Amino acid sequence: MMEKEPEKGKQPLNSYVKYSSMGFQMIGIIGVFTFIGYKLDQNQQTQTPYYTAGLSLIGVAISLYFIFKTIKE
């Protein structure tokens, strides 16, 4: 059987949904890691927010990894 080709009108909508969901995924990952760092800084009562800065950078790296992995597919 021949596979049915997707309708041309729905292709831009699917791309829009895919890439906007990737943006929300990035915001979620970075937000969770930053929140954990913030809570660790509060718990340790540090003067400089090292945990917040470090974990937010780790969150950025992880979210970029997922973005590149999704785009590669």
PDB file of N, CA and C in Angstrom:
ATOM      1  N   MET A   1       0.827  -1.182   0.000  1.00  0.00           N
ATOM      2  CA  MET A   1       0.000   0.000   0.000  1.00  0.00           C
ATOM      3  C   MET A   1       0.873   1.248   0.000  1.00  0.00           C
ATOM      4  N   MET A   2       0.406   2.247  -0.658  1.00  0.00           N
ATOM      5  CA  MET A   2       1.132   3.511  -0.681  1.00  0.00           C
ATOM      6  C   MET A   2       0.766   4.326   0.557  1.00  0.00           C
ATOM      7  N   GLU A   3       1.792   4.961   1.081  1.00  0.00           N
ATOM      8  CA  GLU A   3       1.532   5.799   2.245  1.00  0.00           C
ATOM      9  C   GLU A   3       0.865   7.096   1.816  1.00  0.00           C
ATOM     10  N   LYS A   4      -0.001   7.564   2.657  1.00  0.00           N
ATOM     11  CA  LYS A   4      -0.727   8.790   2.379  1.00  0.00           C
ATOM     12  C   LYS A   4       0.176   9.991   2.673  1.00  0.00           C
ATOM     13  N   GLU A   5       0.285  10.896   1.723  1.00  0.00           N
ATOM     14  CA  GLU A   5       1.102  12.083   1.931  1.00  0.00           C
ATOM     15  C   GLU A   5       0.360  13.060   2.837  1.00  0.00           C
ATOM     16  N   PRO A   6       1.106  13.713   3.750  1.00  0.00           N
ATOM     17  CA  PRO A   6       0.433  14.693   4.613  1.00  0.00           C
ATOM     18  C   PRO A   6      -0.043  15.879   3.793  1.00  0.00           C
ATOM     19  N   GLU A   7      -1.133  16.447   4.241  1.00  0.00           N
ATOM     20  CA  GLU A   7      -1.674  17.608   3.553  1.00  0.00           C
ATOM     21  C   GLU A   7      -0.702  18.772   3.673  1.00  0.00           C
ATOM     22  N   LYS A   8      -0.585  19.540   2.608  1.00  0.00           N
ATOM     23  CA  LYS A   8       0.371  20.639   2.597  1.00  0.00           C
ATOM     24  C   LYS A   8      -0.006  21.746   3.575  1.00  0.00           C
ATOM     25  N   GLY A   9      -1.270  21.923   3.841  1.00  0.00           N
ATOM     26  CA  GLY A   9      -1.696  22.972   4.759  1.00  0.00           C
ATOM     27  C   GLY A   9      -1.354  22.675   6.204  1.00  0.00           C
ATOM     28  N   LYS A  10      -1.235  21.417   6.551  1.00  0.00           N
ATOM     29  CA  LYS A  10      -0.976  21.043   7.941  1.00  0.00           C
ATOM     30  C   LYS A  10       0.515  21.013   8.264  1.00  0.00           C
ATOM     31  N   GLN A  11       1.386  20.989   7.260  1.00  0.00           N
ATOM     32  CA  GLN A  11       2.824  20.917   7.501  1.00  0.00           C
ATOM     33  C   GLN A  11       3.343  22.114   8.303  1.00  0.00           C
ATOM     34  N   PRO A  12       3.019  23.358   7.951  1.00  0.00           N
ATOM     35  CA  PRO A  12       3.508  24.483   8.762  1.00  0.00           C
ATOM     36  C   PRO A  12       2.968  24.460  10.197  1.00  0.00           C
ATOM     37  N   LEU A  13       1.744  24.003  10.359  1.00  0.00           N
ATOM     38  CA  LEU A  13       1.172  23.931  11.702  1.00  0.00           C
ATOM     39  C   LEU A  13       1.915  22.903  12.544  1.00  0.00           C
ATOM     40  N   ASN A  14       2.242  21.761  11.962  1.00  0.00           N
ATOM     41  CA  ASN A  14       2.986  20.743  12.696  1.00  0.00           C
ATOM     42  C   ASN A  14       4.368  21.253  13.088  1.00  0.00           C
ATOM     43  N   SER A  15       5.040  21.971  12.206  1.00  0.00           N
ATOM     44  CA  SER A  15       6.355  22.533  12.522  1.00  0.00           C
ATOM     45  C   SER A  15       6.230  23.573  13.633  1.00  0.00           C
ATOM     46  N   TYR A  16       5.191  24.390  13.566  1.00  0.00           N
ATOM     47  CA  TYR A  16       4.993  25.414  14.587  1.00  0.00           C
ATOM     48  C   TYR A  16       4.789  24.774  15.955  1.00  0.00           C
ATOM     49  N   VAL A  17       3.981  23.749  16.019  1.00  0.00           N
ATOM     50  CA  VAL A  17       3.709  23.065  17.286  1.00  0.00           C
ATOM     51  C   VAL A  17       4.975  22.395  17.802  1.00  0.00           C
ATOM     52  N   LYS A  18       5.720  21.776  16.912  1.00  0.00           N
ATOM     53  CA  LYS A  18       6.948  21.075  17.308  1.00  0.00           C
ATOM     54  C   LYS A  18       7.955  22.048  17.917  1.00  0.00           C
ATOM     55  N   TYR A  19       8.203  23.166  17.218  1.00  0.00           N
ATOM     56  CA  TYR A  19       9.226  24.088  17.697  1.00  0.00           C
ATOM     57  C   TYR A  19       8.763  24.916  18.890  1.00  0.00           C
ATOM     58  N   SER A  20       7.501  25.217  18.995  1.00  0.00           N
ATOM     59  CA  SER A  20       7.039  25.949  20.170  1.00  0.00           C
ATOM     60  C   SER A  20       7.062  25.049  21.404  1.00  0.00           C
ATOM     61  N   SER A  21       6.782  23.770  21.228  1.00  0.00           N
ATOM     62  CA  SER A  21       6.868  22.860  22.373  1.00  0.00           C
ATOM     63  C   SER A  21       8.313  22.688  22.826  1.00  0.00           C
ATOM     64  N   MET A  22       9.253  22.763  21.876  1.00  0.00           N
ATOM     65  CA  MET A  22      10.658  22.690  22.258  1.00  0.00           C
ATOM     66  C   MET A  22      11.051  23.898  23.105  1.00  0.00           C
ATOM     67  N   GLY A  23      10.491  25.052  22.803  1.00  0.00           N
ATOM     68  CA  GLY A  23      10.761  26.247  23.607  1.00  0.00           C
ATOM     69  C   GLY A  23      10.232  26.117  25.020  1.00  0.00           C
ATOM     70  N   PHE A  24       9.016  25.591  25.138  1.00  0.00           N
ATOM     71  CA  PHE A  24       8.458  25.377  26.474  1.00  0.00           C
ATOM     72  C   PHE A  24       9.247  24.330  27.246  1.00  0.00           C
ATOM     73  N   GLN A  25       9.754  23.324  26.540  1.00  0.00           N
ATOM     74  CA  GLN A  25      10.573  22.303  27.184  1.00  0.00           C
ATOM     75  C   GLN A  25      11.857  22.932  27.724  1.00  0.00           C
ATOM     76  N   MET A  26      12.470  23.816  26.938  1.00  0.00           N
ATOM     77  CA  MET A  26      13.677  24.505  27.405  1.00  0.00           C
ATOM     78  C   MET A  26      13.391  25.338  28.650  1.00  0.00           C
ATOM     79  N   ILE A  27      12.305  26.090  28.610  1.00  0.00           N
ATOM     80  CA  ILE A  27      11.945  26.927  29.756  1.00  0.00           C
ATOM     81  C   ILE A  27      11.725  26.069  30.994  1.00  0.00           C
ATOM     82  N   GLY A  28      11.065  24.940  30.825  1.00  0.00           N
ATOM     83  CA  GLY A  28      10.793  24.050  31.955  1.00  0.00           C
ATOM     84  C   GLY A  28      12.059  23.472  32.553  1.00  0.00           C
ATOM     85  N   ILE A  29      12.957  22.973  31.709  1.00  0.00           N
ATOM     86  CA  ILE A  29      14.194  22.366  32.208  1.00  0.00           C
ATOM     87  C   ILE A  29      15.048  23.400  32.926  1.00  0.00           C
ATOM     88  N   ILE A  30      15.244  24.559  32.290  1.00  0.00           N
ATOM     89  CA  ILE A  30      16.072  25.598  32.907  1.00  0.00           C
ATOM     90  C   ILE A  30      15.425  26.099  34.194  1.00  0.00           C
ATOM     91  N   GLY A  31      14.112  26.246  34.183  1.00  0.00           N
ATOM     92  CA  GLY A  31      13.404  26.710  35.381  1.00  0.00           C
ATOM     93  C   GLY A  31      13.527  25.755  36.552  1.00  0.00           C
ATOM     94  N   VAL A  32      13.408  24.463  36.282  1.00  0.00           N
ATOM     95  CA  VAL A  32      13.508  23.467  37.357  1.00  0.00           C
ATOM     96  C   VAL A  32      14.911  23.465  37.949  1.00  0.00           C
ATOM     97  N   PHE A  33      15.935  23.490  37.097  1.00  0.00           N
ATOM     98  CA  PHE A  33      17.302  23.479  37.617  1.00  0.00           C
ATOM     99  C   PHE A  33      17.625  24.761  38.368  1.00  0.00           C
ATOM    100  N   THR A  34      17.141  25.890  37.884  1.00  0.00           N
ATOM    101  CA  THR A  34      17.378  27.158  38.589  1.00  0.00           C
ATOM    102  C   THR A  34      16.666  27.171  39.936  1.00  0.00           C
ATOM    103  N   PHE A  35      15.444  26.658  39.983  1.00  0.00           N
ATOM    104  CA  PHE A  35      14.703  26.599  41.246  1.00  0.00           C
ATOM    105  C   PHE A  35      15.420  25.705  42.264  1.00  0.00           C
ATOM    106  N   ILE A  36      15.925  24.558  41.816  1.00  0.00           N
ATOM    107  CA  ILE A  36      16.662  23.665  42.717  1.00  0.00           C
ATOM    108  C   ILE A  36      17.908  24.374  43.244  1.00  0.00           C
ATOM    109  N   GLY A  37      18.626  25.079  42.359  1.00  0.00           N
ATOM    110  CA  GLY A  37      19.804  25.830  42.801  1.00  0.00           C
ATOM    111  C   GLY A  37      19.455  26.920  43.787  1.00  0.00           C
ATOM    112  N   TYR A  38      18.338  27.597  43.543  1.00  0.00           N
ATOM    113  CA  TYR A  38      17.884  28.655  44.448  1.00  0.00           C
ATOM    114  C   TYR A  38      17.578  28.082  45.833  1.00  0.00           C
ATOM    115  N   LYS A  39      16.883  26.954  45.856  1.00  0.00           N
ATOM    116  CA  LYS A  39      16.550  26.335  47.140  1.00  0.00           C
ATOM    117  C   LYS A  39      17.806  25.842  47.862  1.00  0.00           C
ATOM    118  N   LEU A  40      18.779  25.317  47.111  1.00  0.00           N
ATOM    119  CA  LEU A  40      20.036  24.903  47.740  1.00  0.00           C
ATOM    120  C   LEU A  40      20.781  26.102  48.323  1.00  0.00           C
ATOM    121  N   ASP A  41      20.778  27.215  47.610  1.00  0.00           N
ATOM    122  CA  ASP A  41      21.416  28.426  48.142  1.00  0.00           C
ATOM    123  C   ASP A  41      20.719  28.917  49.403  1.00  0.00           C
ATOM    124  N   GLN A  42      19.398  28.833  49.428  1.00  0.00           N
ATOM    125  CA  GLN A  42      18.667  29.226  50.636  1.00  0.00           C
ATOM    126  C   GLN A  42      18.993  28.289  51.792  1.00  0.00           C
ATOM    127  N   ASN A  43      19.042  26.995  51.503  1.00  0.00           N
ATOM    128  CA  ASN A  43      19.291  26.008  52.547  1.00  0.00           C
ATOM    129  C   ASN A  43      20.711  26.131  53.106  1.00  0.00           C
ATOM    130  N   GLN A  44      21.674  26.377  52.248  1.00  0.00           N
ATOM    131  CA  GLN A  44      23.072  26.495  52.683  1.00  0.00           C
ATOM    132  C   GLN A  44      23.413  27.904  53.174  1.00  0.00           C
ATOM    133  N   GLN A  45      22.516  28.852  52.954  1.00  0.00           N
ATOM    134  CA  GLN A  45      22.681  30.251  53.357  1.00  0.00           C
ATOM    135  C   GLN A  45      23.990  30.829  52.821  1.00  0.00           C
ATOM    136  N   THR A  46      24.199  30.670  51.516  1.00  0.00           N
ATOM    137  CA  THR A  46      25.414  31.184  50.883  1.00  0.00           C
ATOM    138  C   THR A  46      25.255  32.668  50.564  1.00  0.00           C
ATOM    139  N   GLN A  47      26.366  33.391  50.604  1.00  0.00           N
ATOM    140  CA  GLN A  47      26.361  34.815  50.276  1.00  0.00           C
ATOM    141  C   GLN A  47      26.227  35.019  48.761  1.00  0.00           C
ATOM    142  N   THR A  48      26.929  34.196  47.993  1.00  0.00           N
ATOM    143  CA  THR A  48      26.890  34.280  46.528  1.00  0.00           C
ATOM    144  C   THR A  48      26.120  33.069  46.012  1.00  0.00           C
ATOM    145  N   PRO A  49      25.182  33.273  45.110  1.00  0.00           N
ATOM    146  CA  PRO A  49      24.331  32.155  44.648  1.00  0.00           C
ATOM    147  C   PRO A  49      25.037  31.222  43.649  1.00  0.00           C
ATOM    148  N   TYR A  50      26.030  30.496  44.136  1.00  0.00           N
ATOM    149  CA  TYR A  50      26.780  29.594  43.265  1.00  0.00           C
ATOM    150  C   TYR A  50      25.923  28.435  42.770  1.00  0.00           C
ATOM    151  N   TYR A  51      25.099  27.891  43.626  1.00  0.00           N
ATOM    152  CA  TYR A  51      24.255  26.761  43.220  1.00  0.00           C
ATOM    153  C   TYR A  51      23.256  27.182  42.139  1.00  0.00           C
ATOM    154  N   THR A  52      22.680  28.365  42.318  1.00  0.00           N
ATOM    155  CA  THR A  52      21.722  28.849  41.332  1.00  0.00           C
ATOM    156  C   THR A  52      22.400  29.042  39.980  1.00  0.00           C
ATOM    157  N   ALA A  53      23.547  29.674  39.972  1.00  0.00           N
ATOM    158  CA  ALA A  53      24.267  29.921  38.717  1.00  0.00           C
ATOM    159  C   ALA A  53      24.712  28.615  38.079  1.00  0.00           C
ATOM    160  N   GLY A  54      25.288  27.738  38.874  1.00  0.00           N
ATOM    161  CA  GLY A  54      25.790  26.475  38.334  1.00  0.00           C
ATOM    162  C   GLY A  54      24.696  25.577  37.791  1.00  0.00           C
ATOM    163  N   LEU A  55      23.633  25.424  38.569  1.00  0.00           N
ATOM    164  CA  LEU A  55      22.558  24.540  38.116  1.00  0.00           C
ATOM    165  C   LEU A  55      21.765  25.142  36.956  1.00  0.00           C
ATOM    166  N   SER A  56      21.682  26.471  36.890  1.00  0.00           N
ATOM    167  CA  SER A  56      20.999  27.049  35.728  1.00  0.00           C
ATOM    168  C   SER A  56      21.818  26.820  34.458  1.00  0.00           C
ATOM    169  N   LEU A  57      23.137  26.882  34.548  1.00  0.00           N
ATOM    170  CA  LEU A  57      23.985  26.581  33.390  1.00  0.00           C
ATOM    171  C   LEU A  57      23.890  25.110  32.998  1.00  0.00           C
ATOM    172  N   ILE A  58      23.810  24.241  33.982  1.00  0.00           N
ATOM    173  CA  ILE A  58      23.614  22.821  33.686  1.00  0.00           C
ATOM    174  C   ILE A  58      22.265  22.611  33.010  1.00  0.00           C
ATOM    175  N   GLY A  59      21.247  23.325  33.464  1.00  0.00           N
ATOM    176  CA  GLY A  59      19.930  23.247  32.835  1.00  0.00           C
ATOM    177  C   GLY A  59      19.956  23.710  31.390  1.00  0.00           C
ATOM    178  N   VAL A  60      20.704  24.776  31.114  1.00  0.00           N
ATOM    179  CA  VAL A  60      20.841  25.257  29.735  1.00  0.00           C
ATOM    180  C   VAL A  60      21.518  24.198  28.874  1.00  0.00           C
ATOM    181  N   ALA A  61      22.586  23.587  29.398  1.00  0.00           N
ATOM    182  CA  ALA A  61      23.302  22.559  28.640  1.00  0.00           C
ATOM    183  C   ALA A  61      22.405  21.353  28.346  1.00  0.00           C
ATOM    184  N   ILE A  62      21.649  20.918  29.345  1.00  0.00           N
ATOM    185  CA  ILE A  62      20.762  19.769  29.149  1.00  0.00           C
ATOM    186  C   ILE A  62      19.653  20.104  28.156  1.00  0.00           C
ATOM    187  N   SER A  63      19.098  21.305  28.263  1.00  0.00           N
ATOM    188  CA  SER A  63      18.022  21.668  27.331  1.00  0.00           C
ATOM    189  C   SER A  63      18.554  21.798  25.904  1.00  0.00           C
ATOM    190  N   LEU A  64      19.758  22.323  25.736  1.00  0.00           N
ATOM    191  CA  LEU A  64      20.349  22.384  24.400  1.00  0.00           C
ATOM    192  C   LEU A  64      20.609  20.987  23.845  1.00  0.00           C
ATOM    193  N   TYR A  65      21.023  20.070  24.700  1.00  0.00           N
ATOM    194  CA  TYR A  65      21.215  18.689  24.271  1.00  0.00           C
ATOM    195  C   TYR A  65      19.912  18.107  23.731  1.00  0.00           C
ATOM    196  N   PHE A  66      18.818  18.313  24.450  1.00  0.00           N
ATOM    197  CA  PHE A  66      17.519  17.798  23.987  1.00  0.00           C
ATOM    198  C   PHE A  66      17.069  18.486  22.702  1.00  0.00           C
ATOM    199  N   ILE A  67      17.335  19.772  22.568  1.00  0.00           N
ATOM    200  CA  ILE A  67      16.964  20.504  21.349  1.00  0.00           C
ATOM    201  C   ILE A  67      17.717  19.946  20.151  1.00  0.00           C
ATOM    202  N   PHE A  68      19.034  19.796  20.291  1.00  0.00           N
ATOM    203  CA  PHE A  68      19.820  19.275  19.175  1.00  0.00           C
ATOM    204  C   PHE A  68      19.447  17.852  18.831  1.00  0.00           C
ATOM    205  N   LYS A  69      19.137  17.072  19.858  1.00  0.00           N
ATOM    206  CA  LYS A  69      18.717  15.684  19.632  1.00  0.00           C
ATOM    207  C   LYS A  69      17.390  15.646  18.874  1.00  0.00           C
ATOM    208  N   THR A  70      16.469  16.536  19.222  1.00  0.00           N
ATOM    209  CA  THR A  70      15.160  16.567  18.559  1.00  0.00           C
ATOM    210  C   THR A  70      15.295  17.086  17.125  1.00  0.00           C
ATOM    211  N   ILE A  71      16.118  18.090  16.900  1.00  0.00           N
ATOM    212  CA  ILE A  71      16.278  18.633  15.558  1.00  0.00           C
ATOM    213  C   ILE A  71      16.954  17.621  14.641  1.00  0.00           C
ATOM    214  N   LYS A  72      17.885  16.856  15.197  1.00  0.00           N
ATOM    215  CA  LYS A  72      18.601  15.856  14.404  1.00  0.00           C
ATOM    216  C   LYS A  72      17.657  14.766  13.879  1.00  0.00           C
ATOM    217  N   GLU A  73      16.612  14.476  14.609  1.00  0.00           N
ATOM    218  CA  GLU A  73      15.644  13.444  14.185  1.00  0.00           C
ATOM    219  C   GLU A  73      14.839  13.986  13.110  1.00  0.00           C
TER     220      GLU A  73
END
